Amino acid sequence: MNSMLAGESAESQPQVQAAQRFPATVGRFDAPADRAVIDGLVRWVEERYREDLLKRPSKHVYVRTLPGPVIERIDRLRDSPLIRSLIAARVVAQFPGGSVIAPMKHTDELYVSHYNKDRGGDQGLFDRHYDGNLRFLPGSVVVRALIYLQSDATYKVVFHDSRVEKAFATYDFGLLDFHRELHWVEGQYNPADRQRILLKCNYLVTRRNAALLGRATLAANTGVFYVVKAAMEYSKSPTTPPQIVVGLLCNLFRRLNNVHPLIPLAIPLAFIGAVVAAFGWAIGHLTT
C-alpha cells in the first residue's frame, strides 16, 4: 500500500511513529527440512481436529497443551534462525544499544482460521484491529509471527501502518508489531478453499540490561493476553444472551482500542470507581 486511502476514519490513522514500531515483514520457509516439518504438522492437525475444521468459528489451541512430539516440531519453526535473525535485524532502530529477544511460548497458539463475521468475539480477527492494547508502554516491543502451515492466496492481510499487503500461502510467514500494527484480513469464506492453518508465536523484545523492565512488561502482556483471549473464545459465534453481550463488548472495545489504547482500559476503571463511589454514598446515607 503506497498511500493512505482517502476518507479514512480516526481509528485507521497510524498512531505510532515508524521508529517506535516493528515494521511488518514477510518471509518464507524454503529449506526442505522446514517444509517437511510443516507438512507433517498439517497432516497431524487435519487428523486431530477433523471435526473442528468443518465448523465456521475459528479455533485456537495453546501450543503448550499439545503432545510433546508436536511441540518439538513446532519449536523447529518458532525457534528458527530465519525468524530470530529477521526480528533482531528489524529492532535495531528501537534498540540501537542492543536487545534481548524472549519467546513468549506460554501464549503461542495453533490457529484454524475461518473468515467469520457474526458479531462474535472472533470477528475482530478479521476486522481492522491491533492485536494488543499496550502500545503506550515504552522500552519494549512484542513481535508476533504468523506462520502459515497451510493456506492458499484467497485471503489478503493488510498491514496498514507498515504499508504492506500479502496474500499468504503455505510455507509463508509474517512478522508484525503485536501492539502497534493496525491490520485486517480481506477475503470471503469459501468452504472449498484449503484450510487456513497457522501458528501464532510471540516474542518480547527489550533493550539489553533491562531485566526488571522485561519481567514487568512480560507480566503486563501475559495478563492482558489471557483476559482478552478468554472473552473472545467465550463469545465467538454467540448463541446465548451472555455470549452475545460479551461479543458486542469485544467488538466495541476493539474499535475503541483502534482510536486509543487507554480508552478500553479507562472504561472498566471508571465503572469500578462509580460502583465504589455509589456503595460509599449508600453506606454513608444509611449511617446518617
Protein backbone atom coordinates (compact mmCIF):
# COMPACT_ATOMS: atom_id res chain seq x y z
CA MET A 1 0.00 0.00 0.00
CA ASN A 2 1.74 3.14 -1.18
CA SER A 3 -0.51 5.89 0.13
CA MET A 4 -3.22 6.49 2.70
CA LEU A 5 -6.72 5.87 1.47
CA ALA A 6 -8.97 8.89 1.23
CA GLY A 7 -11.68 9.25 3.82
CA GLU A 8 -10.06 7.04 6.48
CA SER A 9 -11.58 7.16 9.94
CA ALA A 10 -9.68 8.15 13.07
CA GLU A 11 -9.30 4.51 14.07
CA SER A 12 -7.37 3.73 10.86
CA GLN A 13 -4.84 6.55 11.14
CA PRO A 14 -1.28 5.45 12.04
CA GLN A 15 -0.76 6.34 15.71
CA VAL A 16 2.85 5.30 16.24
CA GLN A 17 5.92 6.74 14.57
CA ALA A 18 7.78 4.27 12.39
CA ALA A 19 10.87 4.39 14.63
CA GLN A 20 8.79 3.05 17.54
CA ARG A 21 7.09 0.27 15.57
CA PHE A 22 8.45 -3.06 14.42
CA PRO A 23 7.88 -2.97 10.63
CA ALA A 24 5.72 -5.73 9.20
CA THR A 25 7.95 -8.24 7.45
CA VAL A 26 7.14 -11.23 5.26
CA GLY A 27 9.26 -14.30 4.62
CA ARG A 28 9.10 -17.91 3.55
CA PHE A 29 10.42 -21.27 4.70
CA ASP A 30 12.28 -22.69 1.69
CA ALA A 31 14.53 -25.29 3.31
CA PRO A 32 13.32 -28.85 2.58
CA ALA A 33 13.71 -29.83 6.25
CA ASP A 34 11.49 -26.94 7.39
CA ARG A 35 8.87 -27.74 4.76
CA ALA A 36 8.85 -31.38 5.84
CA VAL A 37 8.13 -30.26 9.41
CA ILE A 38 5.29 -28.04 8.20
CA ASP A 39 3.78 -30.79 6.03
CA GLY A 40 3.87 -33.19 8.97
CA LEU A 41 2.16 -30.69 11.25
CA VAL A 42 -0.60 -30.11 8.69
CA ARG A 43 -1.30 -33.85 8.47
CA TRP A 44 -1.45 -34.07 12.26
CA VAL A 45 -3.82 -31.09 12.57
CA GLU A 46 -6.15 -32.39 9.86
CA GLU A 47 -6.40 -35.71 11.66
CA ARG A 48 -6.60 -34.38 15.23
CA TYR A 49 -9.08 -31.56 14.55
CA ARG A 50 -11.05 -33.07 11.69
CA GLU A 51 -14.44 -32.09 13.15
CA ASP A 52 -13.34 -28.57 14.05
CA LEU A 53 -12.16 -27.96 10.50
CA LEU A 54 -15.75 -28.37 9.34
CA LYS A 55 -17.11 -25.67 11.67
CA ARG A 56 -17.38 -21.93 10.98
CA PRO A 57 -15.83 -20.39 14.10
CA SER A 58 -12.09 -20.03 14.23
CA LYS A 59 -10.26 -22.30 16.62
CA HIS A 60 -7.31 -21.51 18.88
CA VAL A 61 -5.34 -24.11 20.83
CA TYR A 62 -2.42 -23.20 23.10
CA VAL A 63 0.71 -24.89 21.80
CA ARG A 64 1.74 -25.77 25.36
CA THR A 65 -1.30 -28.09 25.62
CA LEU A 66 -0.33 -30.17 22.58
CA PRO A 67 1.51 -33.51 22.73
CA GLY A 68 5.25 -33.30 23.34
CA PRO A 69 6.36 -34.59 19.91
CA VAL A 70 4.13 -31.98 18.22
CA ILE A 71 5.59 -29.19 20.37
CA GLU A 72 9.08 -30.30 19.38
CA ARG A 73 8.19 -29.94 15.70
CA ILE A 74 6.66 -26.51 16.33
CA ASP A 75 9.85 -25.48 18.15
CA ARG A 76 11.76 -26.14 14.93
CA LEU A 77 9.76 -23.34 13.32
CA ARG A 78 9.27 -20.79 16.10
CA ASP A 79 12.94 -21.06 17.17
CA SER A 80 14.11 -20.91 13.56
CA PRO A 81 17.26 -18.81 12.98
CA LEU A 82 15.43 -17.35 9.98
CA ILE A 83 12.73 -15.77 12.16
CA ARG A 84 15.04 -14.83 15.02
CA SER A 85 17.54 -13.13 12.69
CA LEU A 86 14.80 -11.11 10.97
CA ILE A 87 13.49 -9.90 14.32
CA ALA A 88 16.97 -8.96 15.50
CA ALA A 89 17.69 -7.06 12.29
CA ARG A 90 14.41 -5.11 12.38
CA VAL A 91 14.57 -3.96 16.04
CA VAL A 92 17.88 -2.13 15.67
CA ALA A 93 16.01 1.17 15.23
CA GLN A 94 14.16 0.72 18.53
CA PHE A 95 17.14 -0.67 20.45
CA PRO A 96 20.40 0.71 18.99
CA GLY A 97 22.26 -0.35 22.14
CA GLY A 98 21.32 -3.98 21.73
CA SER A 99 18.27 -6.07 22.53
CA VAL A 100 17.11 -9.28 24.16
CA ILE A 101 14.54 -11.48 22.38
CA ALA A 102 12.49 -13.60 24.78
CA PRO A 103 9.98 -16.07 23.28
CA MET A 104 6.55 -15.91 24.95
CA LYS A 105 5.85 -19.59 24.36
CA HIS A 106 3.14 -19.75 27.03
CA THR A 107 0.99 -17.55 24.75
CA ASP A 108 1.73 -19.28 21.42
CA GLU A 109 -1.24 -20.81 19.61
CA LEU A 110 -2.24 -23.16 16.86
CA TYR A 111 -4.91 -21.33 14.87
CA VAL A 112 -7.50 -22.62 12.41
CA SER A 113 -8.75 -19.50 10.65
CA HIS A 114 -12.27 -19.40 9.24
CA TYR A 115 -13.37 -15.99 7.97
CA ASN A 116 -16.28 -15.29 10.28
CA LYS A 117 -18.20 -12.02 10.79
CA ASP A 118 -21.20 -12.72 13.03
CA ARG A 119 -20.61 -10.02 15.69
CA GLY A 120 -18.97 -12.61 17.92
CA GLY A 121 -15.65 -12.43 19.71
CA ASP A 122 -13.64 -13.72 16.77
CA GLN A 123 -14.92 -11.11 14.30
CA GLY A 124 -12.11 -8.85 15.49
CA LEU A 125 -9.60 -11.28 13.97
CA PHE A 126 -10.67 -10.11 10.52
CA ASP A 127 -11.82 -6.50 11.04
CA ARG A 128 -9.41 -3.59 11.48
CA HIS A 129 -7.61 -4.19 14.76
CA TYR A 130 -4.46 -4.11 16.79
CA ASP A 131 -3.63 -7.48 18.34
CA GLY A 132 -2.76 -5.83 21.67
CA ASN A 133 -3.57 -2.66 23.58
CA LEU A 134 -0.29 -1.82 25.33
CA ARG A 135 1.30 0.29 22.61
CA PHE A 136 1.70 3.14 25.10
CA LEU A 137 4.31 1.14 27.07
CA PRO A 138 7.85 2.34 26.28
CA GLY A 139 11.02 0.32 26.10
CA SER A 140 9.66 -2.90 24.63
CA VAL A 141 8.04 -4.44 21.58
CA VAL A 142 6.10 -7.66 21.15
CA VAL A 143 6.63 -9.25 17.75
CA ARG A 144 4.05 -11.77 16.53
CA ALA A 145 5.00 -14.37 13.92
CA LEU A 146 2.16 -15.71 11.77
CA ILE A 147 3.47 -19.00 10.38
CA TYR A 148 1.26 -20.37 7.62
CA LEU A 149 1.33 -24.15 7.80
CA GLN A 150 -1.33 -24.33 5.09
CA SER A 151 -3.10 -21.59 3.16
CA ASP A 152 -3.99 -20.53 -0.34
CA ALA A 153 -3.85 -16.96 -1.63
CA THR A 154 -7.59 -16.19 -1.41
CA TYR A 155 -7.17 -14.03 1.71
CA LYS A 156 -5.06 -10.88 1.88
CA VAL A 157 -3.67 -9.45 5.10
CA VAL A 158 -3.24 -5.68 5.10
CA PHE A 159 -0.62 -4.29 7.50
CA HIS A 160 -1.79 -0.71 7.39
CA ASP A 161 0.88 1.12 9.39
CA SER A 162 3.76 -0.58 7.56
CA ARG A 163 2.07 -0.19 4.15
CA VAL A 164 2.46 -3.91 3.43
CA GLU A 165 -0.08 -6.29 1.91
CA LYS A 166 0.33 -10.03 1.49
CA ALA A 167 -1.82 -12.95 0.33
CA PHE A 168 -0.12 -15.59 2.43
CA ALA A 169 0.31 -19.12 1.09
CA THR A 170 1.65 -22.36 2.56
CA TYR A 171 5.21 -22.00 3.99
CA ASP A 172 4.94 -18.19 4.21
CA PHE A 173 5.25 -16.25 7.44
CA GLY A 174 4.61 -12.69 8.52
CA LEU A 175 6.10 -10.70 11.40
CA LEU A 176 4.23 -7.76 12.89
CA ASP A 177 4.20 -5.49 15.90
CA PHE A 178 1.61 -7.04 18.24
CA HIS A 179 0.57 -3.72 19.81
CA ARG A 180 1.37 -1.14 17.14
CA GLU A 181 0.34 -2.55 13.75
CA LEU A 182 -3.21 -1.87 12.62
CA HIS A 183 -4.16 -4.71 10.30
CA TRP A 184 -7.07 -6.68 8.90
CA VAL A 185 -7.94 -9.57 6.60
CA GLU A 186 -9.66 -9.16 3.24
CA GLY A 187 -11.46 -12.17 1.81
CA GLN A 188 -14.64 -14.19 1.88
CA TYR A 189 -15.38 -17.55 3.44
CA ASN A 190 -15.44 -20.40 0.94
CA PRO A 191 -15.73 -23.95 2.30
CA ALA A 192 -13.99 -25.23 -0.83
CA ASP A 193 -10.77 -23.32 -0.03
CA ARG A 194 -7.84 -25.04 1.58
CA GLN A 195 -7.90 -24.86 5.36
CA ARG A 196 -6.02 -21.87 6.74
CA ILE A 197 -3.84 -23.38 9.48
CA LEU A 198 -1.38 -21.09 11.25
CA LEU A 199 0.91 -20.82 14.22
CA LYS A 200 0.78 -17.59 16.22
CA CYS A 201 4.10 -17.18 18.03
CA ASN A 202 5.04 -14.19 20.16
CA TYR A 203 8.41 -12.70 21.11
CA LEU A 204 9.07 -9.98 23.70
CA VAL A 205 11.96 -7.69 22.76
CA THR A 206 13.51 -5.36 25.33
CA ARG A 207 16.71 -3.40 25.45
CA ARG A 208 19.80 -5.12 26.74
CA ASN A 209 20.48 -4.94 30.51
CA ALA A 210 16.82 -4.21 31.36
CA ALA A 211 15.80 -7.42 33.12
CA LEU A 212 13.37 -5.73 35.53
CA LEU A 213 11.60 -3.94 32.70
CA GLY A 214 11.43 -7.21 30.81
CA ARG A 215 9.76 -9.06 33.68
CA ALA A 216 7.24 -6.26 34.28
CA THR A 217 6.39 -5.99 30.58
CA LEU A 218 6.04 -9.76 30.29
CA ALA A 219 3.61 -9.83 33.22
CA ALA A 220 1.50 -7.00 31.75
CA ASN A 221 1.37 -8.61 28.32
CA THR A 222 0.51 -12.03 29.71
CA GLY A 223 -2.33 -10.70 31.87
CA VAL A 224 -3.96 -8.69 29.09
CA PHE A 225 -3.47 -11.52 26.60
CA TYR A 226 -5.25 -14.13 28.70
CA VAL A 227 -8.19 -11.86 29.62
CA VAL A 228 -8.83 -10.77 26.03
CA LYS A 229 -8.40 -14.29 24.67
CA ALA A 230 -10.83 -15.76 27.21
CA ALA A 231 -13.50 -13.19 26.33
CA MET A 232 -13.02 -13.78 22.62
CA GLU A 233 -13.21 -17.56 22.89
CA TYR A 234 -16.29 -17.40 25.11
CA SER A 235 -18.21 -15.19 22.68
CA LYS A 236 -17.30 -16.49 19.22
CA SER A 237 -20.39 -17.35 17.16
CA PRO A 238 -22.57 -16.39 20.15
CA THR A 239 -25.89 -18.11 20.81
CA THR A 240 -26.79 -17.23 24.40
CA PRO A 241 -27.57 -13.70 25.69
CA PRO A 242 -24.38 -13.56 27.83
CA GLN A 243 -22.27 -14.63 24.85
CA ILE A 244 -23.95 -12.03 22.62
CA VAL A 245 -23.27 -9.27 25.17
CA VAL A 246 -19.62 -10.28 25.61
CA GLY A 247 -19.22 -10.49 21.82
CA LEU A 248 -20.60 -6.98 21.38
CA LEU A 249 -18.28 -5.70 24.11
CA CYS A 250 -15.28 -7.38 22.46
CA ASN A 251 -16.05 -5.62 19.19
CA LEU A 252 -16.76 -2.30 20.93
CA PHE A 253 -13.50 -2.40 22.87
CA ARG A 254 -11.63 -3.38 19.71
CA ARG A 255 -12.94 -0.28 17.93
CA LEU A 256 -12.13 1.93 20.92
CA ASN A 257 -8.62 0.46 21.05
CA ASN A 258 -8.19 1.43 17.41
CA VAL A 259 -8.82 5.04 18.41
CA HIS A 260 -6.62 4.99 21.53
CA PRO A 261 -5.45 2.12 23.75
CA LEU A 262 -6.24 3.86 27.03
CA ILE A 263 -9.96 4.17 26.27
CA PRO A 264 -10.81 0.45 26.75
CA LEU A 265 -8.76 0.44 29.95
CA ALA A 266 -10.38 3.62 31.28
CA ILE A 267 -13.98 2.43 30.87
CA PRO A 268 -13.78 -0.54 33.29
CA LEU A 269 -11.81 1.56 35.77
CA ALA A 270 -14.42 4.32 35.58
CA PHE A 271 -17.20 1.78 36.09
CA ILE A 272 -15.46 0.29 39.12
CA GLY A 273 -14.88 3.77 40.51
CA ALA A 274 -18.55 4.65 40.04
CA VAL A 275 -19.64 1.45 41.80
CA VAL A 276 -17.29 2.09 44.72
CA ALA A 277 -18.48 5.70 44.97
CA ALA A 278 -22.13 4.63 44.87
CA PHE A 279 -21.50 1.99 47.51
CA GLY A 280 -19.74 4.51 49.71
CA TRP A 281 -22.59 7.01 49.27
CA ALA A 282 -25.15 4.33 50.20
CA ILE A 283 -23.24 3.30 53.32
CA GLY A 284 -22.85 6.93 54.33
CA HIS A 285 -26.55 7.61 53.73
CA LEU A 286 -27.62 4.62 55.83
CA THR A 287 -25.40 5.60 58.75
CA THR A 288 -26.63 9.20 58.95
